[in-house]
Amino acid sequence: MKQRQHPYSCGIDAALDVVGGKWKALILWALSTGTQRFGDLKRLVPGVTEKMLIQQLRELEHDGIISREIYPQVPPKVEYSLTERGVSLNAALVPLGEWGNANMDHICGVKGVAAPVH
């Protein structure tokens, strides 16, 4: 598990420490529709390796963002879902996603007029 720096310089610093990187926000988005099994998450987060998905899920669980439920059956069944803290973090990411959608053409370098910034 990665060590956390403390104190953070601001709230953004702390939030980015929890959700930073390419995969965590995408995992949160995938879990926003409800509880998912590992295989479902692997399909919903294209490009992520199994090793990276496992690592990111462990870190999100450690930070109290997701919960992991293991069902004692053969083969074992494991489900992941957002905790209350995860739901609130996902809600905080919605405006960021909206900004990304509105500015995607500009970010990708497509010529044309970018969406207006408010």
C-alpha atoms as a PDB file:
ATOM      1  CA  MET A   1       0.000   0.000   0.000  1.00  0.00           C
ATOM      2  CA  LYS A   2       1.333   3.411  -0.832  1.00  0.00           C
ATOM      3  CA  GLN A   3       2.273   5.763   1.951  1.00  0.00           C
ATOM      4  CA  ARG A   4       0.368   9.033   2.216  1.00  0.00           C
ATOM      5  CA  GLN A   5       2.005  12.399   2.681  1.00  0.00           C
ATOM      6  CA  HIS A   6       0.572  14.517   5.451  1.00  0.00           C
ATOM      7  CA  PRO A   7      -0.245  17.269   5.910  1.00  0.00           C
ATOM      8  CA  TYR A   8      -1.600  18.088   2.481  1.00  0.00           C
ATOM      9  CA  SER A   9      -1.221  21.593   1.156  1.00  0.00           C
ATOM     10  CA  CYS A  10      -4.965  21.811   0.344  1.00  0.00           C
ATOM     11  CA  GLY A  11      -8.107  19.761  -0.215  1.00  0.00           C
ATOM     12  CA  ILE A  12      -7.370  19.288  -3.923  1.00  0.00           C
ATOM     13  CA  ASP A  13      -4.005  17.808  -2.979  1.00  0.00           C
ATOM     14  CA  ALA A  14      -5.702  15.273  -0.676  1.00  0.00           C
ATOM     15  CA  ALA A  15      -8.465  14.431  -3.172  1.00  0.00           C
ATOM     16  CA  LEU A  16      -6.017  13.911  -6.034  1.00  0.00           C
ATOM     17  CA  ASP A  17      -3.954  11.620  -3.824  1.00  0.00           C
ATOM     18  CA  VAL A  18      -7.006   9.376  -3.438  1.00  0.00           C
ATOM     19  CA  VAL A  19      -8.306   9.477  -7.008  1.00  0.00           C
ATOM     20  CA  GLY A  20      -5.136  10.319  -8.952  1.00  0.00           C
ATOM     21  CA  GLY A  21      -3.921   8.318 -11.894  1.00  0.00           C
ATOM     22  CA  LYS A  22      -5.630   7.062 -14.993  1.00  0.00           C
ATOM     23  CA  TRP A  23      -7.692   4.197 -13.627  1.00  0.00           C
ATOM     24  CA  LYS A  24      -9.287   5.158 -10.319  1.00  0.00           C
ATOM     25  CA  ALA A  25     -11.749   7.701 -11.708  1.00  0.00           C
ATOM     26  CA  LEU A  26     -12.749   5.210 -14.414  1.00  0.00           C
ATOM     27  CA  ILE A  27     -13.268   2.503 -11.793  1.00  0.00           C
ATOM     28  CA  LEU A  28     -15.442   4.898  -9.777  1.00  0.00           C
ATOM     29  CA  TRP A  29     -17.444   5.706 -12.909  1.00  0.00           C
ATOM     30  CA  ALA A  30     -17.938   1.974 -13.566  1.00  0.00           C
ATOM     31  CA  LEU A  31     -19.163   1.469  -9.997  1.00  0.00           C
ATOM     32  CA  SER A  32     -21.544   4.438 -10.203  1.00  0.00           C
ATOM     33  CA  THR A  33     -24.108   2.187 -11.900  1.00  0.00           C
ATOM     34  CA  GLY A  34     -24.064  -0.255  -8.983  1.00  0.00           C
ATOM     35  CA  THR A  35     -22.260  -3.264  -7.597  1.00  0.00           C
ATOM     36  CA  GLN A  36     -19.879  -4.972 -10.021  1.00  0.00           C
ATOM     37  CA  ARG A  37     -17.859  -8.168 -10.084  1.00  0.00           C
ATOM     38  CA  PHE A  38     -14.167  -8.120 -11.019  1.00  0.00           C
ATOM     39  CA  GLY A  39     -14.792  -9.368 -14.571  1.00  0.00           C
ATOM     40  CA  ASP A  40     -17.436  -6.701 -15.099  1.00  0.00           C
ATOM     41  CA  LEU A  41     -15.022  -3.989 -13.971  1.00  0.00           C
ATOM     42  CA  LYS A  42     -12.351  -5.370 -16.295  1.00  0.00           C
ATOM     43  CA  ARG A  43     -14.785  -4.993 -19.222  1.00  0.00           C
ATOM     44  CA  LEU A  44     -16.038  -1.564 -18.112  1.00  0.00           C
ATOM     45  CA  VAL A  45     -12.498  -0.149 -17.788  1.00  0.00           C
ATOM     46  CA  PRO A  46     -10.965  -0.994 -21.168  1.00  0.00           C
ATOM     47  CA  GLY A  47      -7.186  -1.135 -21.296  1.00  0.00           C
ATOM     48  CA  VAL A  48      -6.574  -1.782 -17.602  1.00  0.00           C
ATOM     49  CA  THR A  49      -4.503  -4.871 -16.817  1.00  0.00           C
ATOM     50  CA  GLU A  50      -5.658  -7.343 -14.182  1.00  0.00           C
ATOM     51  CA  LYS A  51      -2.648  -6.485 -12.029  1.00  0.00           C
ATOM     52  CA  MET A  52      -3.371  -2.747 -12.185  1.00  0.00           C
ATOM     53  CA  LEU A  53      -7.099  -3.231 -11.568  1.00  0.00           C
ATOM     54  CA  ILE A  54      -6.361  -5.343  -8.482  1.00  0.00           C
ATOM     55  CA  GLN A  55      -3.888  -2.736  -7.190  1.00  0.00           C
ATOM     56  CA  GLN A  56      -6.256   0.174  -7.772  1.00  0.00           C
ATOM     57  CA  LEU A  57      -9.197  -1.661  -6.168  1.00  0.00           C
ATOM     58  CA  ARG A  58      -7.060  -2.429  -3.096  1.00  0.00           C
ATOM     59  CA  GLU A  59      -6.035   1.232  -2.768  1.00  0.00           C
ATOM     60  CA  LEU A  60      -9.631   2.442  -3.165  1.00  0.00           C
ATOM     61  CA  GLU A  61     -10.756  -0.096  -0.552  1.00  0.00           C
ATOM     62  CA  HIS A  62      -7.947   0.982   1.792  1.00  0.00           C
ATOM     63  CA  ASP A  63      -9.068   4.619   1.412  1.00  0.00           C
ATOM     64  CA  GLY A  64     -12.692   3.715   2.221  1.00  0.00           C
ATOM     65  CA  ILE A  65     -13.958   4.603  -1.269  1.00  0.00           C
ATOM     66  CA  ILE A  66     -15.176   1.138  -2.222  1.00  0.00           C
ATOM     67  CA  SER A  67     -16.212  -1.955  -0.331  1.00  0.00           C
ATOM     68  CA  ARG A  68     -15.335  -5.516  -1.263  1.00  0.00           C
ATOM     69  CA  GLU A  69     -17.743  -8.320  -0.447  1.00  0.00           C
ATOM     70  CA  ILE A  70     -16.549 -11.927  -0.632  1.00  0.00           C
ATOM     71  CA  TYR A  71     -19.163 -14.687  -0.872  1.00  0.00           C
ATOM     72  CA  PRO A  72     -18.074 -18.105   0.426  1.00  0.00           C
ATOM     73  CA  GLN A  73     -18.855 -20.274  -2.558  1.00  0.00           C
ATOM     74  CA  VAL A  74     -16.975 -22.231  -5.208  1.00  0.00           C
ATOM     75  CA  PRO A  75     -15.743 -20.522  -7.280  1.00  0.00           C
ATOM     76  CA  PRO A  76     -15.441 -17.522  -4.953  1.00  0.00           C
ATOM     77  CA  LYS A  77     -17.648 -14.589  -5.788  1.00  0.00           C
ATOM     78  CA  VAL A  78     -16.338 -11.075  -5.065  1.00  0.00           C
ATOM     79  CA  GLU A  79     -18.349  -7.907  -5.571  1.00  0.00           C
ATOM     80  CA  TYR A  80     -17.265  -4.274  -5.383  1.00  0.00           C
ATOM     81  CA  SER A  81     -19.453  -1.281  -4.616  1.00  0.00           C
ATOM     82  CA  LEU A  82     -19.102   2.359  -3.648  1.00  0.00           C
ATOM     83  CA  THR A  83     -19.189   3.316   0.009  1.00  0.00           C
ATOM     84  CA  GLU A  84     -20.883   6.553   1.118  1.00  0.00           C
ATOM     85  CA  ARG A  85     -17.498   8.251   0.814  1.00  0.00           C
ATOM     86  CA  GLY A  86     -17.144   6.813  -2.701  1.00  0.00           C
ATOM     87  CA  VAL A  87     -20.578   8.069  -3.736  1.00  0.00           C
ATOM     88  CA  SER A  88     -19.696  11.575  -2.534  1.00  0.00           C
ATOM     89  CA  LEU A  89     -16.336  11.423  -4.346  1.00  0.00           C
ATOM     90  CA  ASN A  90     -18.073  10.310  -7.538  1.00  0.00           C
ATOM     91  CA  ALA A  91     -20.498  13.229  -7.209  1.00  0.00           C
ATOM     92  CA  ALA A  92     -17.534  15.589  -6.895  1.00  0.00           C
ATOM     93  CA  LEU A  93     -16.069  14.151 -10.119  1.00  0.00           C
ATOM     94  CA  VAL A  94     -19.245  14.800 -12.166  1.00  0.00           C
ATOM     95  CA  PRO A  95     -18.379  18.474 -12.887  1.00  0.00           C
ATOM     96  CA  LEU A  96     -14.870  17.415 -13.905  1.00  0.00           C
ATOM     97  CA  GLY A  97     -16.343  14.915 -16.376  1.00  0.00           C
ATOM     98  CA  GLU A  98     -18.701  17.572 -17.727  1.00  0.00           C
ATOM     99  CA  TRP A  99     -15.753  19.925 -18.221  1.00  0.00           C
ATOM    100  CA  GLY A 100     -13.888  17.143 -20.044  1.00  0.00           C
ATOM    101  CA  ASN A 101     -16.850  16.477 -22.343  1.00  0.00           C
ATOM    102  CA  ALA A 102     -17.235  20.176 -23.122  1.00  0.00           C
ATOM    103  CA  ASN A 103     -13.532  20.578 -23.893  1.00  0.00           C
ATOM    104  CA  MET A 104     -12.662  17.209 -25.420  1.00  0.00           C
ATOM    105  CA  ASP A 105     -12.182  18.551 -28.959  1.00  0.00           C
ATOM    106  CA  HIS A 106      -9.789  21.207 -27.715  1.00  0.00           C
ATOM    107  CA  ILE A 107      -7.932  18.721 -25.516  1.00  0.00           C
ATOM    108  CA  CYS A 108      -7.555  16.333 -28.461  1.00  0.00           C
ATOM    109  CA  GLY A 109      -6.293  19.159 -30.666  1.00  0.00           C
ATOM    110  CA  VAL A 110      -9.182  19.035 -33.113  1.00  0.00           C
ATOM    111  CA  LYS A 111      -9.419  22.226 -35.151  1.00  0.00           C
ATOM    112  CA  GLY A 112     -12.579  24.195 -34.692  1.00  0.00           C
ATOM    113  CA  VAL A 113     -14.307  26.178 -32.059  1.00  0.00           C
ATOM    114  CA  ALA A 114     -14.138  24.775 -28.577  1.00  0.00           C
ATOM    115  CA  ALA A 115     -17.144  24.884 -26.311  1.00  0.00           C
ATOM    116  CA  PRO A 116     -17.484  28.152 -24.411  1.00  0.00           C
ATOM    117  CA  VAL A 117     -16.047  28.271 -20.920  1.00  0.00           C
ATOM    118  CA  HIS A 118     -18.401  29.680 -18.270  1.00  0.00           C
END
